[in-house]
Amino acid sequence: MKILILLCFACTVSLVGADTLNATITEETKMEVTRGKGSIVLKAGTIVEVVGRDGGNLGIVYRNITGLVPASKTDFKGEVP
């Protein structure tokens, strides 16, 4: 259910043309892909778009792929609207 909410939120943000929130990955981490199965390794310094927050994880978009990463592995300090 959380995954569906994140995906809907990501689509809504892109449709309304809102300013994007970005974060930089601070250390190598796996992004758990929310559509389908699997993960992608993101290297330190990778810039991603933040689309949601779920406890200690951030919902992100990287190269049009939606997924989750631990917030502690990013420099994101803001709040997700």
N, C-alpha and C. Protein backbone atom coordinates (compact mmCIF):
# COMPACT_ATOMS: atom_id res chain seq x y z
N MET A 1 0.82 -1.19 0.00
CA MET A 1 0.00 0.00 0.00
C MET A 1 0.87 1.26 0.00
N LYS A 2 1.95 1.23 0.80
CA LYS A 2 2.85 2.38 0.87
C LYS A 2 3.48 2.65 -0.50
N ILE A 3 3.80 1.57 -1.20
CA ILE A 3 4.42 1.70 -2.51
C ILE A 3 3.46 2.38 -3.47
N LEU A 4 2.20 1.98 -3.44
CA LEU A 4 1.20 2.58 -4.31
C LEU A 4 1.04 4.06 -4.01
N ILE A 5 1.05 4.42 -2.73
CA ILE A 5 0.93 5.83 -2.34
C ILE A 5 2.11 6.62 -2.87
N LEU A 6 3.32 6.08 -2.74
CA LEU A 6 4.51 6.77 -3.25
C LEU A 6 4.44 6.95 -4.76
N LEU A 7 3.99 5.93 -5.46
CA LEU A 7 3.90 6.03 -6.91
C LEU A 7 2.87 7.08 -7.32
N CYS A 8 1.73 7.09 -6.65
CA CYS A 8 0.69 8.09 -6.96
C CYS A 8 1.21 9.49 -6.66
N PHE A 9 1.91 9.64 -5.55
CA PHE A 9 2.46 10.95 -5.20
C PHE A 9 3.47 11.40 -6.24
N ALA A 10 4.32 10.49 -6.70
CA ALA A 10 5.33 10.84 -7.70
C ALA A 10 4.66 11.30 -9.00
N CYS A 11 3.60 10.63 -9.39
CA CYS A 11 2.89 11.04 -10.62
C CYS A 11 2.23 12.39 -10.44
N THR A 12 1.65 12.64 -9.29
CA THR A 12 0.99 13.91 -9.02
C THR A 12 1.99 15.06 -9.05
N VAL A 13 3.14 14.88 -8.43
CA VAL A 13 4.15 15.92 -8.40
C VAL A 13 4.61 16.25 -9.81
N SER A 14 4.82 15.23 -10.64
CA SER A 14 5.30 15.50 -11.99
C SER A 14 4.23 16.18 -12.84
N LEU A 15 2.96 15.89 -12.59
CA LEU A 15 1.88 16.49 -13.37
C LEU A 15 1.66 17.96 -13.04
N VAL A 16 1.78 18.33 -11.77
CA VAL A 16 1.51 19.72 -11.40
C VAL A 16 2.72 20.61 -11.61
N GLY A 17 3.86 20.04 -11.93
CA GLY A 17 5.05 20.85 -12.22
C GLY A 17 5.64 21.51 -10.99
N ALA A 18 5.47 20.90 -9.84
CA ALA A 18 6.00 21.46 -8.60
C ALA A 18 7.53 21.42 -8.64
N ASP A 19 8.11 22.31 -7.84
CA ASP A 19 9.57 22.29 -7.72
C ASP A 19 10.00 20.94 -7.17
N THR A 20 11.06 20.40 -7.72
CA THR A 20 11.52 19.10 -7.28
C THR A 20 12.44 19.26 -6.08
N LEU A 21 12.39 18.27 -5.21
CA LEU A 21 13.29 18.21 -4.07
C LEU A 21 14.37 17.20 -4.41
N ASN A 22 15.62 17.59 -4.29
CA ASN A 22 16.71 16.70 -4.61
C ASN A 22 17.49 16.34 -3.36
N ALA A 23 18.13 15.19 -3.42
CA ALA A 23 19.03 14.74 -2.36
C ALA A 23 20.24 14.12 -3.04
N THR A 24 21.34 14.12 -2.32
CA THR A 24 22.57 13.49 -2.81
C THR A 24 22.86 12.28 -1.94
N ILE A 25 23.16 11.17 -2.58
CA ILE A 25 23.53 9.95 -1.85
C ILE A 25 24.92 10.19 -1.25
N THR A 26 25.06 9.97 0.06
CA THR A 26 26.33 10.26 0.74
C THR A 26 27.26 9.06 0.85
N GLU A 27 26.71 7.85 0.77
CA GLU A 27 27.53 6.65 0.74
C GLU A 27 26.81 5.58 -0.06
N GLU A 28 27.58 4.68 -0.66
CA GLU A 28 27.00 3.67 -1.53
C GLU A 28 25.88 2.93 -0.81
N THR A 29 24.75 2.79 -1.48
CA THR A 29 23.59 2.13 -0.89
C THR A 29 22.74 1.47 -1.97
N LYS A 30 21.89 0.55 -1.55
CA LYS A 30 20.96 -0.09 -2.48
C LYS A 30 19.64 0.66 -2.48
N MET A 31 19.12 0.91 -3.66
CA MET A 31 17.78 1.47 -3.81
C MET A 31 16.85 0.30 -4.09
N GLU A 32 15.89 0.07 -3.19
CA GLU A 32 14.91 -0.99 -3.40
C GLU A 32 13.88 -0.49 -4.39
N VAL A 33 13.77 -1.15 -5.52
CA VAL A 33 12.85 -0.76 -6.58
C VAL A 33 11.42 -1.07 -6.12
N THR A 34 10.52 -0.09 -6.27
CA THR A 34 9.15 -0.28 -5.79
C THR A 34 8.25 -0.89 -6.84
N ARG A 35 8.63 -0.85 -8.09
CA ARG A 35 7.88 -1.52 -9.15
C ARG A 35 8.63 -2.77 -9.52
N GLY A 36 8.03 -3.91 -9.32
CA GLY A 36 8.73 -5.15 -9.62
C GLY A 36 9.63 -5.53 -8.47
N LYS A 37 10.66 -6.29 -8.79
CA LYS A 37 11.57 -6.78 -7.76
C LYS A 37 12.98 -6.29 -8.07
N GLY A 38 13.79 -6.28 -7.03
CA GLY A 38 15.19 -5.98 -7.23
C GLY A 38 15.65 -4.71 -6.57
N SER A 39 16.90 -4.40 -6.83
CA SER A 39 17.51 -3.20 -6.27
C SER A 39 18.59 -2.70 -7.22
N ILE A 40 18.94 -1.44 -7.01
CA ILE A 40 19.98 -0.79 -7.81
C ILE A 40 20.97 -0.20 -6.83
N VAL A 41 22.25 -0.40 -7.07
CA VAL A 41 23.28 0.20 -6.21
C VAL A 41 23.52 1.63 -6.68
N LEU A 42 23.38 2.56 -5.75
CA LEU A 42 23.65 3.97 -6.03
C LEU A 42 24.95 4.36 -5.36
N LYS A 43 25.83 4.98 -6.12
CA LYS A 43 27.13 5.40 -5.59
C LYS A 43 27.01 6.74 -4.88
N ALA A 44 27.96 7.00 -4.00
CA ALA A 44 28.02 8.30 -3.32
C ALA A 44 28.16 9.40 -4.36
N GLY A 45 27.41 10.49 -4.16
CA GLY A 45 27.45 11.61 -5.09
C GLY A 45 26.31 11.60 -6.10
N THR A 46 25.55 10.50 -6.15
CA THR A 46 24.42 10.41 -7.07
C THR A 46 23.31 11.34 -6.59
N ILE A 47 22.75 12.13 -7.51
CA ILE A 47 21.66 13.04 -7.16
C ILE A 47 20.35 12.37 -7.56
N VAL A 48 19.39 12.36 -6.61
CA VAL A 48 18.09 11.74 -6.83
C VAL A 48 16.99 12.74 -6.49
N GLU A 49 15.80 12.50 -7.04
CA GLU A 49 14.64 13.34 -6.74
C GLU A 49 13.86 12.69 -5.60
N VAL A 50 13.53 13.47 -4.57
CA VAL A 50 12.78 12.97 -3.42
C VAL A 50 11.29 13.18 -3.68
N VAL A 51 10.51 12.09 -3.55
CA VAL A 51 9.06 12.18 -3.81
C VAL A 51 8.22 11.81 -2.60
N GLY A 52 8.82 11.30 -1.54
CA GLY A 52 8.06 10.92 -0.36
C GLY A 52 8.96 10.47 0.76
N ARG A 53 8.34 10.26 1.91
CA ARG A 53 9.08 9.79 3.08
C ARG A 53 8.24 8.73 3.78
N ASP A 54 8.87 7.66 4.21
CA ASP A 54 8.21 6.58 4.93
C ASP A 54 9.09 6.20 6.11
N GLY A 55 8.88 6.86 7.24
CA GLY A 55 9.72 6.59 8.40
C GLY A 55 11.16 6.97 8.13
N GLY A 56 12.05 5.99 8.20
CA GLY A 56 13.47 6.22 7.97
C GLY A 56 13.90 6.11 6.52
N ASN A 57 12.95 5.92 5.61
CA ASN A 57 13.26 5.78 4.19
C ASN A 57 12.72 6.96 3.39
N LEU A 58 13.41 7.26 2.31
CA LEU A 58 12.94 8.27 1.37
C LEU A 58 12.45 7.57 0.11
N GLY A 59 11.32 8.03 -0.41
CA GLY A 59 10.86 7.61 -1.72
C GLY A 59 11.57 8.49 -2.73
N ILE A 60 12.24 7.87 -3.69
CA ILE A 60 13.04 8.64 -4.64
C ILE A 60 12.74 8.20 -6.07
N VAL A 61 13.15 9.05 -7.00
CA VAL A 61 13.13 8.70 -8.43
C VAL A 61 14.56 8.89 -8.94
N TYR A 62 15.07 7.84 -9.57
CA TYR A 62 16.40 7.87 -10.17
C TYR A 62 16.27 7.30 -11.58
N ARG A 63 16.54 8.13 -12.57
CA ARG A 63 16.44 7.72 -13.98
C ARG A 63 15.07 7.12 -14.29
N ASN A 64 14.02 7.78 -13.84
CA ASN A 64 12.63 7.36 -14.06
C ASN A 64 12.27 6.04 -13.38
N ILE A 65 13.06 5.62 -12.40
CA ILE A 65 12.76 4.43 -11.62
C ILE A 65 12.47 4.87 -10.19
N THR A 66 11.32 4.44 -9.66
CA THR A 66 10.92 4.81 -8.32
C THR A 66 11.40 3.75 -7.34
N GLY A 67 11.92 4.20 -6.19
CA GLY A 67 12.40 3.26 -5.19
C GLY A 67 12.55 3.90 -3.83
N LEU A 68 13.08 3.12 -2.90
CA LEU A 68 13.30 3.57 -1.52
C LEU A 68 14.76 3.44 -1.15
N VAL A 69 15.27 4.43 -0.43
CA VAL A 69 16.62 4.38 0.14
C VAL A 69 16.56 4.85 1.58
N PRO A 70 17.48 4.40 2.42
CA PRO A 70 17.51 4.90 3.79
C PRO A 70 17.85 6.40 3.79
N ALA A 71 17.07 7.18 4.52
CA ALA A 71 17.32 8.63 4.59
C ALA A 71 18.70 8.92 5.17
N SER A 72 19.19 8.04 6.03
CA SER A 72 20.50 8.24 6.66
C SER A 72 21.65 8.17 5.65
N LYS A 73 21.40 7.62 4.47
CA LYS A 73 22.44 7.51 3.44
C LYS A 73 22.39 8.67 2.45
N THR A 74 21.59 9.71 2.79
CA THR A 74 21.48 10.89 1.93
C THR A 74 21.76 12.14 2.74
N ASP A 75 21.87 13.27 2.03
CA ASP A 75 22.05 14.55 2.72
C ASP A 75 20.73 15.29 2.88
N PHE A 76 19.60 14.63 2.64
CA PHE A 76 18.29 15.28 2.67
C PHE A 76 17.91 15.66 4.10
N LYS A 77 17.69 16.94 4.32
CA LYS A 77 17.33 17.46 5.65
C LYS A 77 15.94 18.08 5.66
N GLY A 78 15.36 18.27 4.48
CA GLY A 78 14.08 18.96 4.37
C GLY A 78 12.91 18.08 4.70
N GLU A 79 11.74 18.66 4.50
CA GLU A 79 10.49 17.93 4.69
C GLU A 79 9.83 17.73 3.33
N VAL A 80 9.20 16.61 3.18
CA VAL A 80 8.48 16.31 1.95
C VAL A 80 7.06 16.84 2.13
N PRO A 81 6.60 17.68 1.20
CA PRO A 81 5.26 18.24 1.37
C PRO A 81 4.17 17.19 1.29
